[in-house]
Amino acid sequence: DVDSPPARMQRSRLLLNLLGGARRSADAVLGQQASAGPAALRLFLAVQLPDATARAADRLVAKLMEKHPAAADRVKWVDPSLMHLTLEFLGEVQHDRLLELEAEVPRALSRGQSPFRIAFARGGVFWAGPAPTVLWLGPEDGAEGIAEFASLTQAVRLCCQNVGVQVTLKDKRPHLTLGRVRPQKHTSKGGLDAEVMALVNAVDGLLWEEPQDVLVGEVALVRSMLQPRGPTYSVLNAWPLAAQACRA
């Protein structure tokens, strides 16, 4: 009899076994996820800019686009709300390395790195061989703050190396990125697009009409999340350069 008490008991045991197996399988999956730990984060260390500096840079971009409309869409311009001074791009960082880095950076900054200023006054261009890649604003050669910026960059790179985070080890000029030149097709004569080169030449060596004196007073640890419309940034932590503040 399929509805007899022994038959019902057998079905109950079978159901309990199935439920128990499913629970053990779910627990195993959750255990594997927990053991995997949090996902790595895409990070960089930077100096945040005052709103006034970002707005002034945005006004310059608007003027460049107005004067060179044919080349304006050949550049991926940086949203002013995302402008910053990069100290070091860290790439994907695991959670345990992140915790170590957050402990290491303030200790390094407390060992004597003081706030300083950089005057952003001229335009420039980075190149990859014959091709322009980045349009930027930076200080004049030999200007105040360049040596201090190099010292700060070296300090944060040492922090990264101490906790096992890879760094670029390249000389880094303090610069504010205005835009990145999209890859260009060469003309039939082998040269780059004349309209793009006119824009590049306008930026290279440009004397900025609104030079900005920026105080470098803290280092920010920033998460970068890549989105279809462009990256979004969120500050995870920030540490002042003033030694007495770091010891508090």
Protein backbone atom coordinates (compact mmCIF):
# COMPACT_ATOMS: atom_id res chain seq x y z
CA ASP A 1 0.00 0.00 0.00
CA VAL A 2 1.64 3.29 -1.13
CA ASP A 3 -0.17 5.20 1.64
CA SER A 4 0.52 2.76 4.45
CA PRO A 5 2.44 3.98 7.55
CA PRO A 6 5.65 2.14 6.52
CA ALA A 7 5.46 3.67 3.04
CA ARG A 8 4.92 7.17 4.46
CA MET A 9 7.88 6.71 6.83
CA GLN A 10 10.08 5.61 3.94
CA ARG A 11 9.09 8.69 1.91
CA SER A 12 9.81 10.92 4.92
CA ARG A 13 13.28 9.42 5.35
CA LEU A 14 13.96 9.92 1.64
CA LEU A 15 12.84 13.58 1.82
CA LEU A 16 14.98 14.24 4.88
CA ASN A 17 17.99 12.67 3.16
CA LEU A 18 17.43 14.84 0.09
CA LEU A 19 17.07 17.98 2.19
CA GLY A 20 20.16 17.08 4.18
CA GLY A 21 22.15 16.54 1.00
CA ALA A 22 21.02 19.89 -0.41
CA ARG A 23 21.92 21.64 2.84
CA ARG A 24 25.38 20.04 2.87
CA SER A 25 25.88 21.08 -0.77
CA ALA A 26 24.86 24.70 -0.01
CA ASP A 27 27.14 24.75 3.03
CA ALA A 28 30.00 23.48 0.88
CA VAL A 29 29.43 26.24 -1.72
CA LEU A 30 29.24 28.93 0.96
CA GLY A 31 32.39 27.55 2.56
CA GLN A 32 34.23 27.71 -0.74
CA GLN A 33 33.09 31.31 -1.29
CA ALA A 34 34.15 32.30 2.22
CA SER A 35 37.53 30.66 1.84
CA ALA A 36 38.05 32.52 -1.45
CA GLY A 37 37.88 35.81 0.45
CA PRO A 38 36.79 39.24 -0.81
CA ALA A 39 37.44 40.07 -4.44
CA ALA A 40 40.52 42.10 -5.34
CA LEU A 41 40.05 45.85 -5.75
CA ARG A 42 41.45 48.06 -8.52
CA LEU A 43 43.31 50.80 -6.63
CA PHE A 44 45.61 53.78 -6.97
CA LEU A 45 47.24 56.30 -4.64
CA ALA A 46 46.67 59.94 -5.50
CA VAL A 47 46.40 63.54 -4.41
CA GLN A 48 42.90 64.95 -4.70
CA LEU A 49 42.45 68.35 -6.34
CA PRO A 50 40.52 71.35 -5.04
CA ASP A 51 37.22 71.90 -6.84
CA ALA A 52 38.46 75.29 -8.08
CA THR A 53 41.40 73.66 -9.87
CA ALA A 54 39.20 71.05 -11.53
CA ARG A 55 36.76 73.74 -12.68
CA ALA A 56 39.60 75.85 -14.11
CA ALA A 57 40.94 72.83 -16.01
CA ASP A 58 37.45 72.13 -17.33
CA ARG A 59 37.21 75.70 -18.63
CA LEU A 60 40.50 75.19 -20.46
CA VAL A 61 39.18 71.98 -22.04
CA ALA A 62 36.05 73.83 -23.19
CA LYS A 63 38.23 76.49 -24.89
CA LEU A 64 40.36 73.84 -26.60
CA MET A 65 37.27 72.05 -27.89
CA GLU A 66 35.84 75.33 -29.16
CA LYS A 67 39.05 76.24 -31.01
CA HIS A 68 39.60 72.73 -32.40
CA PRO A 69 36.08 71.32 -32.97
CA ALA A 70 37.18 68.86 -35.67
CA ALA A 71 39.59 67.18 -33.26
CA ALA A 72 37.53 67.44 -30.06
CA ASP A 73 36.00 63.98 -30.41
CA ARG A 74 39.42 62.43 -31.09
CA VAL A 75 40.26 62.87 -27.40
CA LYS A 76 38.66 61.13 -24.43
CA TRP A 77 38.42 64.11 -22.08
CA VAL A 78 38.56 63.52 -18.33
CA ASP A 79 35.48 64.39 -16.30
CA PRO A 80 36.54 67.27 -13.99
CA SER A 81 35.07 65.45 -10.98
CA LEU A 82 37.57 62.62 -11.59
CA MET A 83 40.70 64.75 -12.00
CA HIS A 84 43.53 63.97 -9.58
CA LEU A 85 47.31 63.70 -9.31
CA THR A 86 48.35 60.06 -9.51
CA LEU A 87 51.16 58.97 -7.22
CA GLU A 88 51.04 55.27 -8.11
CA PHE A 89 48.59 52.98 -9.90
CA LEU A 90 48.38 49.69 -7.97
CA GLY A 91 46.14 47.58 -10.19
CA GLU A 92 44.22 44.69 -8.60
CA VAL A 93 45.04 44.41 -4.90
CA GLN A 94 43.94 41.50 -2.69
CA HIS A 95 42.15 42.25 0.60
CA ASP A 96 45.00 41.12 2.86
CA ARG A 97 47.47 43.32 0.96
CA LEU A 98 45.02 46.24 1.23
CA LEU A 99 44.89 45.96 5.02
CA GLU A 100 48.69 45.89 5.21
CA LEU A 101 48.96 48.87 2.88
CA GLU A 102 46.50 50.89 4.97
CA ALA A 103 48.75 50.33 7.98
CA GLU A 104 52.03 50.98 6.12
CA VAL A 105 51.24 54.28 4.35
CA PRO A 106 50.47 56.42 7.43
CA ARG A 107 53.61 55.10 9.16
CA ALA A 108 55.72 56.18 6.20
CA LEU A 109 54.09 59.62 5.96
CA SER A 110 54.69 60.20 9.67
CA ARG A 111 58.45 59.97 9.17
CA GLY A 112 58.92 63.53 7.95
CA GLN A 113 57.06 64.16 4.67
CA SER A 114 55.60 67.67 5.02
CA PRO A 115 52.85 69.36 2.96
CA PHE A 116 54.04 71.28 -0.09
CA ARG A 117 52.67 73.20 -3.07
CA ILE A 118 52.85 72.68 -6.83
CA ALA A 119 51.95 75.41 -9.34
CA PHE A 120 50.26 74.00 -12.44
CA ALA A 121 51.01 76.53 -15.14
CA ARG A 122 51.75 74.91 -18.50
CA GLY A 123 50.47 72.26 -20.88
CA GLY A 124 52.27 69.20 -22.11
CA VAL A 125 51.88 65.99 -24.08
CA PHE A 126 52.99 62.41 -23.47
CA TRP A 127 53.94 60.36 -26.51
CA ALA A 128 54.22 56.70 -27.42
CA GLY A 129 56.79 56.82 -30.17
CA PRO A 130 55.44 59.20 -32.85
CA ALA A 131 51.88 59.15 -31.47
CA PRO A 132 50.51 61.58 -28.85
CA THR A 133 48.75 59.75 -26.01
CA VAL A 134 47.97 62.12 -23.10
CA LEU A 135 47.26 65.87 -22.89
CA TRP A 136 48.11 67.30 -19.48
CA LEU A 137 48.80 70.30 -17.28
CA GLY A 138 51.86 70.48 -15.07
CA PRO A 139 54.43 72.74 -13.42
CA GLU A 140 57.22 74.55 -15.20
CA ASP A 141 60.52 72.68 -15.39
CA GLY A 142 62.43 73.11 -12.13
CA ALA A 143 59.42 74.61 -10.35
CA GLU A 144 58.88 74.40 -6.62
CA GLY A 145 57.27 71.15 -5.49
CA ILE A 146 58.66 68.83 -8.19
CA ALA A 147 61.39 67.41 -5.94
CA GLU A 148 58.94 67.02 -3.05
CA PHE A 149 56.50 65.22 -5.36
CA ALA A 150 59.26 62.81 -6.40
CA SER A 151 60.09 62.17 -2.74
CA LEU A 152 56.44 61.50 -1.91
CA THR A 153 56.09 59.15 -4.88
CA GLN A 154 59.17 57.24 -3.73
CA ALA A 155 57.77 56.96 -0.21
CA VAL A 156 54.45 55.47 -1.28
CA ARG A 157 56.16 53.12 -3.73
CA LEU A 158 58.33 51.83 -0.90
CA CYS A 159 55.16 51.22 1.14
CA CYS A 160 53.71 49.20 -1.72
CA GLN A 161 56.86 47.12 -2.12
CA ASN A 162 57.00 46.45 1.63
CA VAL A 163 53.58 44.74 1.51
CA GLY A 164 54.09 42.95 -1.79
CA VAL A 165 52.16 45.29 -4.12
CA GLN A 166 53.85 45.83 -7.48
CA VAL A 167 54.76 49.34 -8.63
CA THR A 168 55.85 50.84 -11.96
CA LEU A 169 59.28 52.18 -10.90
CA LYS A 170 59.08 54.82 -13.63
CA ASP A 171 59.86 58.50 -13.17
CA LYS A 172 56.55 60.26 -12.64
CA ARG A 173 56.15 63.93 -13.49
CA PRO A 174 53.38 65.67 -11.52
CA HIS A 175 50.60 66.24 -14.03
CA LEU A 176 46.88 66.71 -14.28
CA THR A 177 45.45 64.68 -17.17
CA LEU A 178 43.08 66.64 -19.40
CA GLY A 179 42.39 63.88 -21.89
CA ARG A 180 43.72 60.80 -23.66
CA VAL A 181 44.17 60.92 -27.41
CA ARG A 182 42.33 58.12 -29.14
CA PRO A 183 44.46 55.95 -31.47
CA GLN A 184 44.92 57.80 -34.74
CA LYS A 185 44.97 56.58 -38.30
CA HIS A 186 47.87 57.81 -40.37
CA THR A 187 47.17 59.89 -43.46
CA SER A 188 48.08 58.75 -46.96
CA LYS A 189 51.38 60.62 -46.56
CA GLY A 190 52.19 58.68 -43.40
CA GLY A 191 51.63 61.54 -40.97
CA LEU A 192 49.05 61.94 -38.22
CA ASP A 193 45.75 63.70 -38.73
CA ALA A 194 46.44 67.43 -39.16
CA GLU A 195 43.46 68.46 -37.01
CA VAL A 196 44.58 66.28 -34.14
CA MET A 197 48.13 67.55 -34.41
CA ALA A 198 46.87 71.15 -34.32
CA LEU A 199 45.17 70.40 -31.00
CA VAL A 200 48.23 68.58 -29.67
CA ASN A 201 50.50 71.49 -30.63
CA ALA A 202 48.11 73.94 -28.94
CA VAL A 203 48.44 72.04 -25.65
CA ASP A 204 52.16 71.26 -25.84
CA GLY A 205 53.95 74.18 -24.20
CA LEU A 206 50.68 76.02 -23.48
CA LEU A 207 50.95 78.77 -20.85
CA TRP A 208 47.79 78.39 -18.77
CA GLU A 209 45.80 81.57 -18.32
CA GLU A 210 44.51 80.32 -14.95
CA PRO A 211 47.56 78.77 -13.24
CA GLN A 212 46.66 76.85 -10.10
CA ASP A 213 48.70 76.62 -6.92
CA VAL A 214 47.76 73.24 -5.44
CA LEU A 215 48.50 72.24 -1.85
CA VAL A 216 49.61 68.63 -1.54
CA GLY A 217 48.54 67.89 2.01
CA GLU A 218 47.34 64.28 2.04
CA VAL A 219 47.51 60.99 0.18
CA ALA A 220 44.28 59.24 -0.80
CA LEU A 221 43.76 55.53 -1.48
CA VAL A 222 41.19 55.38 -4.28
CA ARG A 223 39.18 52.52 -5.72
CA SER A 224 38.56 52.60 -9.47
CA MET A 225 35.50 50.76 -10.81
CA LEU A 226 35.33 50.42 -14.58
CA GLN A 227 31.90 51.08 -16.06
CA PRO A 228 30.62 51.16 -19.67
CA ARG A 229 30.34 54.96 -19.47
CA GLY A 230 33.73 55.39 -17.85
CA PRO A 231 35.37 54.79 -14.47
CA THR A 232 33.96 55.80 -11.11
CA TYR A 233 36.22 56.57 -8.16
CA SER A 234 35.64 56.19 -4.42
CA VAL A 235 38.12 57.20 -1.71
CA LEU A 236 38.72 54.30 0.69
CA ASN A 237 41.13 56.12 3.00
CA ALA A 238 43.25 59.27 3.21
CA TRP A 239 46.25 60.23 5.33
CA PRO A 240 47.68 63.71 6.02
CA LEU A 241 51.30 64.48 5.26
CA ALA A 242 51.75 66.51 8.46
CA ALA A 243 53.85 64.36 10.81
CA GLN A 244 52.07 65.45 13.96
CA ALA A 245 48.66 64.58 12.49
CA CYS A 246 49.84 61.10 11.48
CA ARG A 247 50.96 60.31 15.01
CA ALA A 248 47.55 61.12 16.50
